[in-house]
Structure formats: C-alpha cells, structure tokens
C-alpha cells in the first residue's frame, strides 16, 4: 500500500481524535495484515469506490465511545447503547471525510458509502491485489484502531517515473 494513500488517514485520525477527545494521540503500532481484521470495541466500516477501492474500519474502545457520546449529548445519555452506534459512525465520517478530501485534492476521485456499524468479530481479509494496514492509536481515553484495506481500481494506479 502506498504511503500517499494511507498518510491522509493517519493524519485525519490523529486530528479528529485529538480534537474530539481534547488530548493528544500517539501511533503505537502500524502493521500490514494478511489475516481478517478482528474487532476490539465499537467499530464502523466505510466502503470507498473510485480510483482507489476498499474499506476503512474505525474501531474505538467502548469507554472512549461512551465518553465521546456523553460529550456530544451534553451529559450522560439515557440510551448510551444507541448513541454509541451513532457516535462511532459520526467519528468515522469525520476521519474518512478529512482523509478523502485530502486525496481528492491530490486528484483521486472517490464515492464514499455511508458508515455502517461493524458488528462482526472479523472483517475482510487482504487479498492478492489488496493490502491491509492496521494502526493502533493510544489516546488519553483508550485505544483506537484504524484498519485500511485499499487497492487501486483497475487502470487507476498512477504512472511511475522510471
């Protein structure tokens, strides 16, 4: 996976989590994965289609989601379970929106599908033409995981200068 594709997601996750949690973040672990993604907390998945295709999963510790949900609701919510799902989708939208805006500014074209709550224990695995990147991000309120599984659409990979 090319750094030009993943760096906007790293930047966006850092910016959104820092602002939302009002504390810094630290990238703890960055790995390439061949196996299917394993959910850790409450997760949302967004599919991307266009010049680059695939999906991104944002997965946050349940306590972190509850804290963000309470903050967005202006106090402790009566229906924390439902609000948690809305919250993870909202945070995922912000991260993906910021990353895709940066990629669009670089000339890539995308269609973003609405976020869906990712409830299965395992996600898609990498394939022959697809690489999966998993990031673990430490925050003051717990861990966040960002799983990026992308590949260039047929004929969309930029030409290389030899």
Protein backbone atom coordinates (compact mmCIF):
# COMPACT_ATOMS: atom_id res chain seq x y z
CA UNK A 1 0.00 0.00 0.00
CA UNK A 2 1.39 3.37 -0.96
CA UNK A 3 2.14 5.99 1.69
CA UNK A 4 0.32 8.58 -0.45
CA UNK A 5 -2.89 6.61 0.19
CA UNK A 6 -2.51 5.90 3.91
CA UNK A 7 -0.94 9.11 5.22
CA UNK A 8 -4.19 11.11 4.84
CA UNK A 9 -5.99 8.52 7.01
CA UNK A 10 -3.28 8.69 9.69
CA UNK A 11 -3.41 12.50 9.66
CA UNK A 12 -7.21 12.56 9.76
CA UNK A 13 -7.48 10.04 12.61
CA UNK A 14 -4.92 12.00 14.63
CA UNK A 15 -6.66 15.35 14.03
CA UNK A 16 -10.21 14.13 14.69
CA UNK A 17 -9.34 12.12 17.81
CA UNK A 18 -7.17 14.92 19.22
CA UNK A 19 -9.96 17.46 18.75
CA UNK A 20 -12.81 15.17 19.84
CA UNK A 21 -11.05 13.87 22.97
CA UNK A 22 -9.25 17.13 23.75
CA UNK A 23 -5.95 15.29 24.20
CA UNK A 24 -3.03 14.09 22.13
CA UNK A 25 -2.69 10.77 20.35
CA UNK A 26 0.25 8.50 19.77
CA UNK A 27 0.60 5.99 16.97
CA UNK A 28 1.65 2.86 18.82
CA UNK A 29 1.67 0.21 16.19
CA UNK A 30 1.50 0.09 12.41
CA UNK A 31 1.36 -3.35 10.77
CA UNK A 32 0.49 -4.93 7.46
CA UNK A 33 -2.03 -7.70 7.95
CA UNK A 34 -2.81 -10.75 5.83
CA UNK A 35 -5.50 -12.11 8.13
CA UNK A 36 -9.03 -10.83 8.63
CA UNK A 37 -9.48 -7.80 10.87
CA UNK A 38 -10.57 -8.53 14.46
CA UNK A 39 -12.86 -6.03 16.13
CA UNK A 40 -11.70 -4.70 19.51
CA UNK A 41 -14.52 -2.38 20.63
CA UNK A 42 -17.25 -0.46 18.81
CA UNK A 43 -16.49 -0.12 15.11
CA UNK A 44 -17.80 1.49 11.94
CA UNK A 45 -16.93 0.47 8.40
CA UNK A 46 -16.92 2.77 5.40
CA UNK A 47 -16.59 1.49 1.84
CA UNK A 48 -14.73 3.52 -0.76
CA UNK A 49 -15.16 3.22 -4.54
CA UNK A 50 -13.46 5.09 -7.35
CA UNK A 51 -9.79 5.41 -8.30
CA UNK A 52 -8.97 3.51 -5.10
CA UNK A 53 -11.37 0.92 -3.75
CA UNK A 54 -11.78 -0.88 -0.47
CA UNK A 55 -12.87 -0.16 3.04
CA UNK A 56 -11.76 1.53 6.24
CA UNK A 57 -12.79 0.42 9.73
CA UNK A 58 -12.54 2.76 12.71
CA UNK A 59 -12.69 0.81 15.96
CA UNK A 60 -12.73 2.57 19.36
CA UNK A 61 -12.70 1.24 22.92
CA UNK A 62 -16.26 1.14 24.27
CA UNK A 63 -15.37 3.54 27.12
CA UNK A 64 -13.95 6.04 24.61
CA UNK A 65 -17.13 5.90 22.53
CA UNK A 66 -19.24 6.41 25.67
CA UNK A 67 -17.13 9.41 26.66
CA UNK A 68 -17.44 10.98 23.20
CA UNK A 69 -21.18 10.24 23.13
CA UNK A 70 -21.70 11.90 26.51
CA UNK A 71 -19.71 14.91 25.37
CA UNK A 72 -21.71 15.25 22.16
CA UNK A 73 -25.00 14.81 24.05
CA UNK A 74 -24.04 17.45 26.62
CA UNK A 75 -24.11 15.00 29.52
CA UNK A 76 -24.72 11.33 30.21
CA UNK A 77 -27.20 9.90 27.73
CA UNK A 78 -30.17 7.77 28.76
CA UNK A 79 -29.72 5.45 25.77
CA UNK A 80 -25.95 5.01 25.68
CA UNK A 81 -26.14 1.89 23.51
CA UNK A 82 -27.94 3.58 20.62
CA UNK A 83 -25.92 6.75 20.98
CA UNK A 84 -22.68 4.71 20.87
CA UNK A 85 -23.52 3.48 17.37
CA UNK A 86 -24.39 6.97 16.17
CA UNK A 87 -21.19 8.29 17.74
CA UNK A 88 -18.84 5.76 16.11
CA UNK A 89 -20.43 6.47 12.72
CA UNK A 90 -20.06 10.23 13.23
CA UNK A 91 -16.39 9.97 14.23
CA UNK A 92 -15.72 7.59 11.31
CA UNK A 93 -17.41 10.06 8.95
CA UNK A 94 -15.14 12.85 10.18
CA UNK A 95 -11.95 10.78 9.82
CA UNK A 96 -12.86 9.44 6.38
CA UNK A 97 -14.18 12.80 5.19
CA UNK A 98 -10.93 14.57 6.11
CA UNK A 99 -8.77 11.85 4.51
CA UNK A 100 -10.80 11.68 1.30
CA UNK A 101 -10.82 15.47 0.98
CA UNK A 102 -7.03 15.42 1.04
CA UNK A 103 -6.91 12.60 -1.52
CA UNK A 104 -9.45 14.40 -3.74
CA UNK A 105 -7.22 17.50 -3.60
CA UNK A 106 -4.42 15.28 -4.96
CA UNK A 107 -6.56 14.26 -7.94
CA UNK A 108 -8.08 10.97 -6.73
CA UNK A 109 -11.83 10.56 -7.21
CA UNK A 110 -14.00 8.60 -4.77
CA UNK A 111 -17.50 7.68 -3.89
CA UNK A 112 -17.92 7.18 -0.16
CA UNK A 113 -20.65 4.92 1.14
CA UNK A 114 -22.36 5.80 4.45
CA UNK A 115 -20.76 4.25 7.53
CA UNK A 116 -22.20 1.03 8.85
CA UNK A 117 -21.73 -0.27 12.36
CA UNK A 118 -19.27 -3.16 12.09
CA UNK A 119 -20.63 -5.80 14.47
CA UNK A 120 -18.95 -8.98 13.25
CA UNK A 121 -15.92 -10.16 15.17
CA UNK A 122 -13.90 -10.40 11.96
CA UNK A 123 -13.75 -8.20 8.89
CA UNK A 124 -12.49 -8.75 5.38
CA UNK A 125 -9.01 -10.12 4.89
CA UNK A 126 -6.37 -8.93 2.48
CA UNK A 127 -6.28 -10.44 -0.98
CA UNK A 128 -3.81 -10.86 -3.78
CA UNK A 129 -4.20 -7.28 -5.05
CA UNK A 130 -5.07 -5.70 -1.69
CA UNK A 131 -3.01 -4.89 1.35
CA UNK A 132 -4.49 -4.30 4.79
CA UNK A 133 -2.90 -1.85 7.18
CA UNK A 134 -3.76 -1.83 10.88
CA UNK A 135 -2.92 1.11 13.13
CA UNK A 136 -3.19 1.15 16.89
CA UNK A 137 -3.53 4.65 18.33
CA UNK A 138 -3.22 5.40 22.05
CA UNK A 139 -5.25 8.29 23.48
CA UNK A 140 -5.98 9.64 26.95
CA UNK A 141 -9.29 7.76 26.89
CA UNK A 142 -8.25 4.41 25.47
CA UNK A 143 -7.23 2.82 22.21
CA UNK A 144 -8.39 3.43 18.69
CA UNK A 145 -7.76 1.11 15.77
CA UNK A 146 -7.85 2.04 12.12
CA UNK A 147 -7.92 -0.77 9.58
CA UNK A 148 -7.37 0.27 5.96
CA UNK A 149 -7.87 -2.23 3.17
CA UNK A 150 -7.43 -0.47 -0.18
CA UNK A 151 -6.27 -1.17 -3.71
CA UNK A 152 -6.05 0.83 -6.90
CA UNK A 153 -9.04 0.29 -9.17
CA UNK A 154 -8.19 -1.30 -12.47
CA UNK A 155 -6.26 1.24 -14.57
CA UNK A 156 -6.17 3.85 -11.78
CA UNK A 157 -2.66 3.38 -10.41
CA UNK A 158 -0.56 6.45 -11.19
CA UNK A 159 2.20 6.01 -13.75
CA UNK A 160 5.63 5.68 -12.26
CA UNK A 161 8.55 7.76 -13.44
CA UNK A 162 11.46 5.41 -14.12
